[in-house]
Amino acid sequence: MPSFDVVSKVENHEVENALQQAQKEVAQRFDFRDTDTSLERKDAEIVVQSSTEDRARAALTVLQEKLAKRKVSLKFFDVGKPEPTSKGGARITLKIKNGVEGDKAKEIVASIKASKIKVQGSIQADQVRVTGKNRDDLQACIRHLRDADFGIVLGFTNFRE
């Protein structure tokens, strides 16, 4: 039976490259001199830290520009509020969202059912598997999901016949 998977995965190497470019730019720019601004990646989050909240926000903007240039959607990131640090500076944490969360997966499955296309959606860990009897129904389902807005970036993998 033909099937495909609906996933939401960020390209880690592109995030890493954008982070390195942002670190270089922050190190070279005059307005960041003597502000102790740093960008670090820790597992599934990126921490932007600086001596003032304004400089931390500016460094965050630099990072977001680099991500956009590398075609990494900003929907993959959950930007936290600026937090004070022990030295009187500010820290902003970006959480990297990987995979389709439970609520979004339920929303996707409900949308598939409501579309009246002859396919079935099932939640499997951090992805949604869609199965149907013929290829045309699956392609119609992909078009339907691309047109809908779930607030996350959707990718379609493992298209099998």
N, C-alpha and C. Protein backbone atom coordinates (compact mmCIF):
# COMPACT_ATOMS: atom_id res chain seq x y z
N MET A 1 0.84 -1.18 0.00
CA MET A 1 0.00 0.00 0.00
C MET A 1 0.89 1.25 0.00
N PRO A 2 0.66 2.19 -0.93
CA PRO A 2 1.50 3.39 -1.01
C PRO A 2 1.40 4.25 0.26
N SER A 3 2.51 4.89 0.60
CA SER A 3 2.53 5.74 1.79
C SER A 3 3.63 6.79 1.69
N PHE A 4 3.55 7.78 2.57
CA PHE A 4 4.62 8.76 2.74
C PHE A 4 4.57 9.27 4.17
N ASP A 5 5.66 9.93 4.59
CA ASP A 5 5.75 10.47 5.94
C ASP A 5 5.77 11.99 5.89
N VAL A 6 5.07 12.60 6.83
CA VAL A 6 5.08 14.04 7.00
C VAL A 6 6.02 14.33 8.17
N VAL A 7 7.10 15.08 7.92
CA VAL A 7 8.10 15.34 8.95
C VAL A 7 8.36 16.85 9.04
N SER A 8 9.05 17.24 10.09
CA SER A 8 9.48 18.62 10.27
C SER A 8 10.88 18.57 10.87
N LYS A 9 11.89 18.58 10.00
CA LYS A 9 13.28 18.45 10.46
C LYS A 9 14.10 19.59 9.91
N VAL A 10 14.87 20.19 10.80
CA VAL A 10 15.77 21.26 10.42
C VAL A 10 17.08 20.64 9.90
N GLU A 11 17.70 21.32 8.94
CA GLU A 11 18.98 20.85 8.44
C GLU A 11 20.07 21.38 9.36
N ASN A 12 20.60 20.49 10.21
CA ASN A 12 21.54 20.89 11.25
C ASN A 12 22.82 21.51 10.70
N HIS A 13 23.31 21.01 9.57
CA HIS A 13 24.55 21.57 9.03
C HIS A 13 24.34 23.01 8.56
N GLU A 14 23.15 23.33 8.05
CA GLU A 14 22.87 24.71 7.64
C GLU A 14 22.77 25.63 8.86
N VAL A 15 22.18 25.13 9.94
CA VAL A 15 22.10 25.91 11.19
C VAL A 15 23.51 26.16 11.72
N GLU A 16 24.34 25.14 11.68
CA GLU A 16 25.73 25.25 12.16
C GLU A 16 26.50 26.28 11.33
N ASN A 17 26.33 26.23 10.00
CA ASN A 17 27.02 27.19 9.13
C ASN A 17 26.54 28.62 9.38
N ALA A 18 25.24 28.80 9.54
CA ALA A 18 24.69 30.13 9.81
C ALA A 18 25.19 30.65 11.15
N LEU A 19 25.29 29.77 12.14
CA LEU A 19 25.78 30.16 13.46
C LEU A 19 27.24 30.61 13.38
N GLN A 20 28.05 29.87 12.62
CA GLN A 20 29.46 30.25 12.47
C GLN A 20 29.60 31.59 11.76
N GLN A 21 28.78 31.82 10.73
CA GLN A 21 28.82 33.09 10.02
C GLN A 21 28.42 34.24 10.95
N ALA A 22 27.39 34.02 11.76
CA ALA A 22 26.94 35.05 12.70
C ALA A 22 28.02 35.33 13.75
N GLN A 23 28.70 34.28 14.23
CA GLN A 23 29.77 34.47 15.21
C GLN A 23 30.90 35.32 14.61
N LYS A 24 31.25 35.05 13.36
CA LYS A 24 32.31 35.82 12.70
C LYS A 24 31.90 37.28 12.55
N GLU A 25 30.65 37.50 12.13
CA GLU A 25 30.20 38.88 11.93
C GLU A 25 30.16 39.64 13.25
N VAL A 26 29.67 39.01 14.31
CA VAL A 26 29.62 39.66 15.62
C VAL A 26 31.03 39.97 16.11
N ALA A 27 31.98 39.09 15.86
CA ALA A 27 33.36 39.32 16.29
C ALA A 27 34.01 40.47 15.53
N GLN A 28 33.60 40.72 14.29
CA GLN A 28 34.24 41.73 13.45
C GLN A 28 33.57 43.10 13.52
N ARG A 29 32.28 43.14 13.83
CA ARG A 29 31.56 44.41 13.78
C ARG A 29 31.96 45.35 14.91
N PHE A 30 32.04 46.63 14.57
CA PHE A 30 32.47 47.64 15.53
C PHE A 30 31.46 47.82 16.66
N ASP A 31 30.17 47.76 16.36
CA ASP A 31 29.15 48.00 17.39
C ASP A 31 29.08 46.87 18.42
N PHE A 32 29.72 45.73 18.17
CA PHE A 32 29.75 44.63 19.14
C PHE A 32 31.07 44.58 19.92
N ARG A 33 31.97 45.51 19.63
CA ARG A 33 33.27 45.51 20.30
C ARG A 33 33.09 45.83 21.79
N ASP A 34 33.77 45.09 22.65
CA ASP A 34 33.73 45.26 24.11
C ASP A 34 32.35 45.06 24.72
N THR A 35 31.53 44.22 24.09
CA THR A 35 30.20 43.93 24.67
C THR A 35 30.09 42.49 25.15
N ASP A 36 31.14 41.70 25.01
CA ASP A 36 31.14 40.29 25.42
C ASP A 36 29.96 39.54 24.81
N THR A 37 29.68 39.77 23.54
CA THR A 37 28.58 39.11 22.86
C THR A 37 29.04 37.75 22.35
N SER A 38 28.23 36.73 22.63
CA SER A 38 28.58 35.39 22.15
C SER A 38 27.33 34.64 21.70
N LEU A 39 27.53 33.75 20.74
CA LEU A 39 26.47 32.87 20.25
C LEU A 39 27.00 31.45 20.40
N GLU A 40 26.26 30.60 21.13
CA GLU A 40 26.70 29.22 21.36
C GLU A 40 25.55 28.27 21.09
N ARG A 41 25.90 27.09 20.60
CA ARG A 41 24.90 26.04 20.42
C ARG A 41 25.09 24.98 21.49
N LYS A 42 24.00 24.67 22.18
CA LYS A 42 24.00 23.63 23.20
C LYS A 42 22.87 22.67 22.88
N ASP A 43 23.22 21.49 22.39
CA ASP A 43 22.24 20.45 22.02
C ASP A 43 21.15 21.02 21.11
N ALA A 44 19.93 21.17 21.64
CA ALA A 44 18.80 21.59 20.82
C ALA A 44 18.44 23.05 21.06
N GLU A 45 19.43 23.88 21.39
CA GLU A 45 19.15 25.29 21.57
C GLU A 45 20.39 26.13 21.26
N ILE A 46 20.15 27.39 20.95
CA ILE A 46 21.21 28.35 20.70
C ILE A 46 21.06 29.45 21.73
N VAL A 47 22.18 29.81 22.39
CA VAL A 47 22.16 30.84 23.43
C VAL A 47 22.91 32.07 22.91
N VAL A 48 22.23 33.22 22.91
CA VAL A 48 22.82 34.49 22.54
C VAL A 48 22.99 35.29 23.82
N GLN A 49 24.23 35.69 24.11
CA GLN A 49 24.52 36.37 25.37
C GLN A 49 25.32 37.64 25.10
N SER A 50 25.00 38.72 25.84
CA SER A 50 25.71 39.97 25.66
C SER A 50 25.64 40.80 26.94
N SER A 51 26.36 41.92 26.92
CA SER A 51 26.41 42.77 28.12
C SER A 51 25.15 43.60 28.30
N THR A 52 24.39 43.83 27.21
CA THR A 52 23.13 44.55 27.31
C THR A 52 22.06 43.82 26.52
N GLU A 53 20.81 44.11 26.84
CA GLU A 53 19.70 43.46 26.14
C GLU A 53 19.65 43.90 24.68
N ASP A 54 19.95 45.17 24.41
CA ASP A 54 19.94 45.66 23.03
C ASP A 54 20.96 44.95 22.16
N ARG A 55 22.16 44.74 22.68
CA ARG A 55 23.21 44.04 21.92
C ARG A 55 22.83 42.57 21.71
N ALA A 56 22.18 41.95 22.69
CA ALA A 56 21.74 40.56 22.54
C ALA A 56 20.69 40.47 21.44
N ARG A 57 19.77 41.42 21.43
CA ARG A 57 18.74 41.44 20.36
C ARG A 57 19.37 41.67 18.99
N ALA A 58 20.38 42.55 18.94
CA ALA A 58 21.07 42.82 17.67
C ALA A 58 21.80 41.57 17.18
N ALA A 59 22.43 40.84 18.09
CA ALA A 59 23.11 39.60 17.71
C ALA A 59 22.10 38.56 17.24
N LEU A 60 20.95 38.52 17.89
CA LEU A 60 19.87 37.61 17.47
C LEU A 60 19.42 37.95 16.05
N THR A 61 19.31 39.23 15.75
CA THR A 61 18.92 39.65 14.40
C THR A 61 19.96 39.22 13.37
N VAL A 62 21.24 39.34 13.72
CA VAL A 62 22.31 38.90 12.82
C VAL A 62 22.16 37.40 12.54
N LEU A 63 21.93 36.62 13.61
CA LEU A 63 21.76 35.17 13.45
C LEU A 63 20.56 34.85 12.57
N GLN A 64 19.44 35.54 12.79
CA GLN A 64 18.23 35.28 11.99
C GLN A 64 18.46 35.63 10.52
N GLU A 65 19.22 36.70 10.25
CA GLU A 65 19.53 37.05 8.86
C GLU A 65 20.36 35.96 8.20
N LYS A 66 21.34 35.43 8.93
CA LYS A 66 22.20 34.37 8.38
C LYS A 66 21.39 33.10 8.12
N LEU A 67 20.46 32.78 9.03
CA LEU A 67 19.60 31.61 8.83
C LEU A 67 18.72 31.80 7.60
N ALA A 68 18.17 32.99 7.44
CA ALA A 68 17.29 33.26 6.29
C ALA A 68 18.07 33.17 4.97
N LYS A 69 19.31 33.66 4.97
CA LYS A 69 20.13 33.57 3.75
C LYS A 69 20.43 32.13 3.37
N ARG A 70 20.50 31.26 4.37
CA ARG A 70 20.78 29.84 4.12
C ARG A 70 19.49 29.04 3.92
N LYS A 71 18.37 29.74 3.79
CA LYS A 71 17.06 29.13 3.54
C LYS A 71 16.62 28.18 4.65
N VAL A 72 16.94 28.54 5.90
CA VAL A 72 16.45 27.81 7.06
C VAL A 72 15.29 28.62 7.62
N SER A 73 14.11 28.03 7.64
CA SER A 73 12.92 28.75 8.10
C SER A 73 13.04 29.11 9.58
N LEU A 74 12.59 30.31 9.92
CA LEU A 74 12.62 30.75 11.31
C LEU A 74 11.50 30.09 12.12
N LYS A 75 10.61 29.35 11.47
CA LYS A 75 9.57 28.60 12.18
C LYS A 75 10.16 27.44 12.98
N PHE A 76 11.39 27.05 12.66
CA PHE A 76 12.05 25.98 13.40
C PHE A 76 12.53 26.43 14.78
N PHE A 77 12.48 27.74 15.06
CA PHE A 77 13.06 28.27 16.28
C PHE A 77 11.99 28.92 17.16
N ASP A 78 12.08 28.64 18.44
CA ASP A 78 11.21 29.25 19.43
C ASP A 78 12.07 30.21 20.25
N VAL A 79 11.91 31.51 20.01
CA VAL A 79 12.75 32.52 20.64
C VAL A 79 12.20 32.85 22.03
N GLY A 80 13.04 32.71 23.03
CA GLY A 80 12.65 33.01 24.40
C GLY A 80 12.79 34.50 24.72
N LYS A 81 12.30 34.87 25.88
CA LYS A 81 12.42 36.26 26.33
C LYS A 81 13.82 36.50 26.88
N PRO A 82 14.31 37.74 26.78
CA PRO A 82 15.63 38.04 27.34
C PRO A 82 15.64 37.85 28.86
N GLU A 83 16.66 37.15 29.33
CA GLU A 83 16.81 36.89 30.77
C GLU A 83 18.06 37.61 31.25
N PRO A 84 18.03 38.16 32.47
CA PRO A 84 19.24 38.81 33.00
C PRO A 84 20.29 37.76 33.39
N THR A 85 21.55 38.11 33.21
CA THR A 85 22.64 37.22 33.59
C THR A 85 23.25 37.71 34.91
N SER A 86 24.16 36.95 35.45
CA SER A 86 24.77 37.30 36.74
C SER A 86 25.65 38.55 36.64
N LYS A 87 26.17 38.83 35.46
CA LYS A 87 27.05 39.99 35.28
C LYS A 87 26.28 41.25 34.88
N GLY A 88 24.96 41.18 34.89
CA GLY A 88 24.16 42.34 34.51
C GLY A 88 23.86 42.41 33.03
N GLY A 89 24.20 41.39 32.29
CA GLY A 89 23.93 41.36 30.86
C GLY A 89 22.58 40.72 30.57
N ALA A 90 22.45 40.23 29.34
CA ALA A 90 21.20 39.59 28.92
C ALA A 90 21.50 38.33 28.13
N ARG A 91 20.58 37.37 28.23
CA ARG A 91 20.71 36.09 27.53
C ARG A 91 19.37 35.79 26.85
N ILE A 92 19.44 35.42 25.57
CA ILE A 92 18.25 35.01 24.82
C ILE A 92 18.48 33.58 24.36
N THR A 93 17.50 32.71 24.61
CA THR A 93 17.61 31.30 24.24
C THR A 93 16.67 30.99 23.08
N LEU A 94 17.21 30.36 22.04
CA LEU A 94 16.41 29.89 20.91
C LEU A 94 16.33 28.39 20.99
N LYS A 95 15.14 27.83 21.12
CA LYS A 95 14.96 26.39 21.13
C LYS A 95 14.71 25.93 19.70
N ILE A 96 15.43 24.88 19.30
CA ILE A 96 15.28 24.33 17.95
C ILE A 96 14.20 23.27 18.00
N LYS A 97 13.14 23.48 17.20
CA LYS A 97 12.03 22.54 17.17
C LYS A 97 12.27 21.53 16.05
N ASN A 98 12.41 20.27 16.41
CA ASN A 98 12.62 19.20 15.45
C ASN A 98 11.51 18.18 15.61
N GLY A 99 10.91 17.75 14.52
CA GLY A 99 9.85 16.77 14.60
C GLY A 99 8.48 17.43 14.72
N VAL A 100 7.46 16.64 14.45
CA VAL A 100 6.08 17.12 14.54
C VAL A 100 5.59 16.82 15.95
N GLU A 101 5.24 17.87 16.70
CA GLU A 101 4.78 17.69 18.08
C GLU A 101 3.39 17.05 18.09
N GLY A 102 3.01 16.51 19.25
CA GLY A 102 1.75 15.79 19.39
C GLY A 102 0.52 16.57 18.97
N ASP A 103 0.42 17.83 19.42
CA ASP A 103 -0.74 18.65 19.08
C ASP A 103 -0.80 18.94 17.58
N LYS A 104 0.35 19.27 17.01
CA LYS A 104 0.40 19.54 15.57
C LYS A 104 0.11 18.29 14.76
N ALA A 105 0.59 17.13 15.23
CA ALA A 105 0.33 15.87 14.54
C ALA A 105 -1.17 15.57 14.54
N LYS A 106 -1.83 15.79 15.67
CA LYS A 106 -3.28 15.59 15.73
C LYS A 106 -4.01 16.54 14.79
N GLU A 107 -3.53 17.77 14.72
CA GLU A 107 -4.12 18.77 13.82
C GLU A 107 -3.95 18.35 12.36
N ILE A 108 -2.79 17.80 12.01
CA ILE A 108 -2.54 17.34 10.64
C ILE A 108 -3.45 16.17 10.29
N VAL A 109 -3.56 15.20 11.21
CA VAL A 109 -4.43 14.04 10.96
C VAL A 109 -5.88 14.49 10.82
N ALA A 110 -6.33 15.42 11.66
CA ALA A 110 -7.70 15.92 11.57
C ALA A 110 -7.93 16.64 10.24
N SER A 111 -6.93 17.38 9.77
CA SER A 111 -7.05 18.08 8.49
C SER A 111 -7.13 17.09 7.33
N ILE A 112 -6.38 16.00 7.42
CA ILE A 112 -6.42 14.97 6.38
C ILE A 112 -7.81 14.33 6.34
N LYS A 113 -8.37 14.02 7.51
CA LYS A 113 -9.70 13.43 7.57
C LYS A 113 -10.76 14.39 7.04
N ALA A 114 -10.64 15.66 7.38
CA ALA A 114 -11.62 16.65 6.95
C ALA A 114 -11.56 16.92 5.45
N SER A 115 -10.42 16.62 4.82
CA SER A 115 -10.27 16.90 3.39
C SER A 115 -11.05 15.93 2.51
N LYS A 116 -11.52 14.83 3.08
CA LYS A 116 -12.31 13.81 2.36
C LYS A 116 -11.51 13.11 1.26
N ILE A 117 -10.18 13.21 1.31
CA ILE A 117 -9.32 12.46 0.39
C ILE A 117 -9.23 11.05 0.95
N LYS A 118 -9.21 10.05 0.09
CA LYS A 118 -9.25 8.65 0.53
C LYS A 118 -7.88 8.17 0.99
N VAL A 119 -7.41 8.77 2.08
CA VAL A 119 -6.14 8.38 2.70
C VAL A 119 -6.34 8.36 4.21
N GLN A 120 -5.42 7.68 4.91
CA GLN A 120 -5.46 7.62 6.37
C GLN A 120 -4.14 8.17 6.91
N GLY A 121 -4.25 8.93 7.99
CA GLY A 121 -3.06 9.46 8.65
C GLY A 121 -2.91 8.82 10.02
N SER A 122 -1.69 8.48 10.37
CA SER A 122 -1.43 7.91 11.69
C SER A 122 -0.17 8.54 12.28
N ILE A 123 -0.21 8.81 13.57
CA ILE A 123 0.91 9.46 14.26
C ILE A 123 1.91 8.38 14.66
N GLN A 124 3.18 8.60 14.28
CA GLN A 124 4.25 7.67 14.64
C GLN A 124 5.42 8.48 15.17
N ALA A 125 5.58 8.47 16.49
CA ALA A 125 6.65 9.22 17.19
C ALA A 125 6.59 10.70 16.82
N ASP A 126 7.58 11.21 16.08
CA ASP A 126 7.60 12.63 15.75
C ASP A 126 7.30 12.88 14.27
N GLN A 127 6.50 12.01 13.68
CA GLN A 127 6.09 12.18 12.29
C GLN A 127 4.69 11.62 12.09
N VAL A 128 4.10 11.90 10.92
CA VAL A 128 2.78 11.40 10.59
C VAL A 128 2.90 10.57 9.32
N ARG A 129 2.45 9.34 9.37
CA ARG A 129 2.47 8.48 8.19
C ARG A 129 1.09 8.52 7.53
N VAL A 130 1.10 8.74 6.23
CA VAL A 130 -0.14 8.81 5.45
C VAL A 130 -0.13 7.65 4.46
N THR A 131 -1.19 6.84 4.47
CA THR A 131 -1.31 5.71 3.55
C THR A 131 -2.60 5.84 2.75
N GLY A 132 -2.57 5.31 1.55
CA GLY A 132 -3.73 5.35 0.68
C GLY A 132 -3.64 4.24 -0.35
N LYS A 133 -4.71 4.09 -1.13
CA LYS A 133 -4.73 2.99 -2.11
C LYS A 133 -4.03 3.34 -3.41
N ASN A 134 -4.03 4.62 -3.79
CA ASN A 134 -3.33 4.94 -5.04
C ASN A 134 -2.50 6.22 -4.89
N ARG A 135 -1.61 6.37 -5.83
CA ARG A 135 -0.62 7.45 -5.80
C ARG A 135 -1.27 8.83 -5.94
N ASP A 136 -2.32 8.93 -6.75
CA ASP A 136 -2.98 10.21 -6.98
C ASP A 136 -3.58 10.78 -5.70
N ASP A 137 -4.16 9.90 -4.88
CA ASP A 137 -4.73 10.36 -3.61
C ASP A 137 -3.63 10.89 -2.69
N LEU A 138 -2.49 10.22 -2.67
CA LEU A 138 -1.38 10.67 -1.84
C LEU A 138 -0.85 12.02 -2.31
N GLN A 139 -0.75 12.20 -3.63
CA GLN A 139 -0.28 13.48 -4.16
C GLN A 139 -1.28 14.60 -3.88
N ALA A 140 -2.57 14.27 -3.93
CA ALA A 140 -3.59 15.26 -3.57
C ALA A 140 -3.49 15.64 -2.10
N CYS A 141 -3.17 14.66 -1.26
CA CYS A 141 -3.00 14.92 0.17
C CYS A 141 -1.79 15.82 0.41
N ILE A 142 -0.70 15.60 -0.30
CA ILE A 142 0.48 16.45 -0.17
C ILE A 142 0.14 17.89 -0.57
N ARG A 143 -0.60 18.06 -1.67
CA ARG A 143 -1.01 19.40 -2.09
C ARG A 143 -1.88 20.05 -1.01
N HIS A 144 -2.79 19.27 -0.44
CA HIS A 144 -3.67 19.79 0.62
C HIS A 144 -2.85 20.25 1.83
N LEU A 145 -1.88 19.45 2.24
CA LEU A 145 -1.06 19.80 3.41
C LEU A 145 -0.15 21.00 3.15
N ARG A 146 0.32 21.14 1.91
CA ARG A 146 1.16 22.29 1.57
C ARG A 146 0.35 23.58 1.61
N ASP A 147 -0.92 23.51 1.21
CA ASP A 147 -1.77 24.70 1.20
C ASP A 147 -2.19 25.11 2.61
N ALA A 148 -2.30 24.13 3.52
CA ALA A 148 -2.72 24.44 4.89
C ALA A 148 -1.54 25.03 5.67
N ASP A 149 -1.85 25.84 6.69
CA ASP A 149 -0.81 26.44 7.52
C ASP A 149 -0.93 25.89 8.93
N PHE A 150 0.08 25.11 9.34
CA PHE A 150 0.08 24.51 10.67
C PHE A 150 1.06 25.21 11.61
N GLY A 151 1.75 26.24 11.13
CA GLY A 151 2.71 26.96 11.95
C GLY A 151 4.07 26.29 12.05
N ILE A 152 4.26 25.19 11.32
CA ILE A 152 5.55 24.51 11.27
C ILE A 152 5.90 24.24 9.81
N VAL A 153 7.15 23.95 9.57
CA VAL A 153 7.60 23.63 8.22
C VAL A 153 7.42 22.13 8.00
N LEU A 154 6.69 21.78 6.95
CA LEU A 154 6.42 20.36 6.68
C LEU A 154 7.31 19.87 5.55
N GLY A 155 7.82 18.67 5.73
CA GLY A 155 8.58 17.98 4.69
C GLY A 155 7.92 16.64 4.42
N PHE A 156 8.09 16.12 3.22
CA PHE A 156 7.45 14.85 2.85
C PHE A 156 8.54 13.87 2.41
N THR A 157 8.64 12.76 3.13
CA THR A 157 9.70 11.79 2.86
C THR A 157 9.12 10.39 2.72
N ASN A 158 9.97 9.46 2.31
CA ASN A 158 9.64 8.03 2.20
C ASN A 158 8.39 7.77 1.36
N PHE A 159 8.29 8.43 0.22
CA PHE A 159 7.14 8.17 -0.67
C PHE A 159 7.34 6.79 -1.28
N ARG A 160 6.50 5.84 -0.91
CA ARG A 160 6.64 4.46 -1.37
C ARG A 160 5.37 4.01 -2.07
N GLU A 161 5.58 3.12 -3.03
CA GLU A 161 4.42 2.56 -3.73
C GLU A 161 4.22 1.13 -3.37
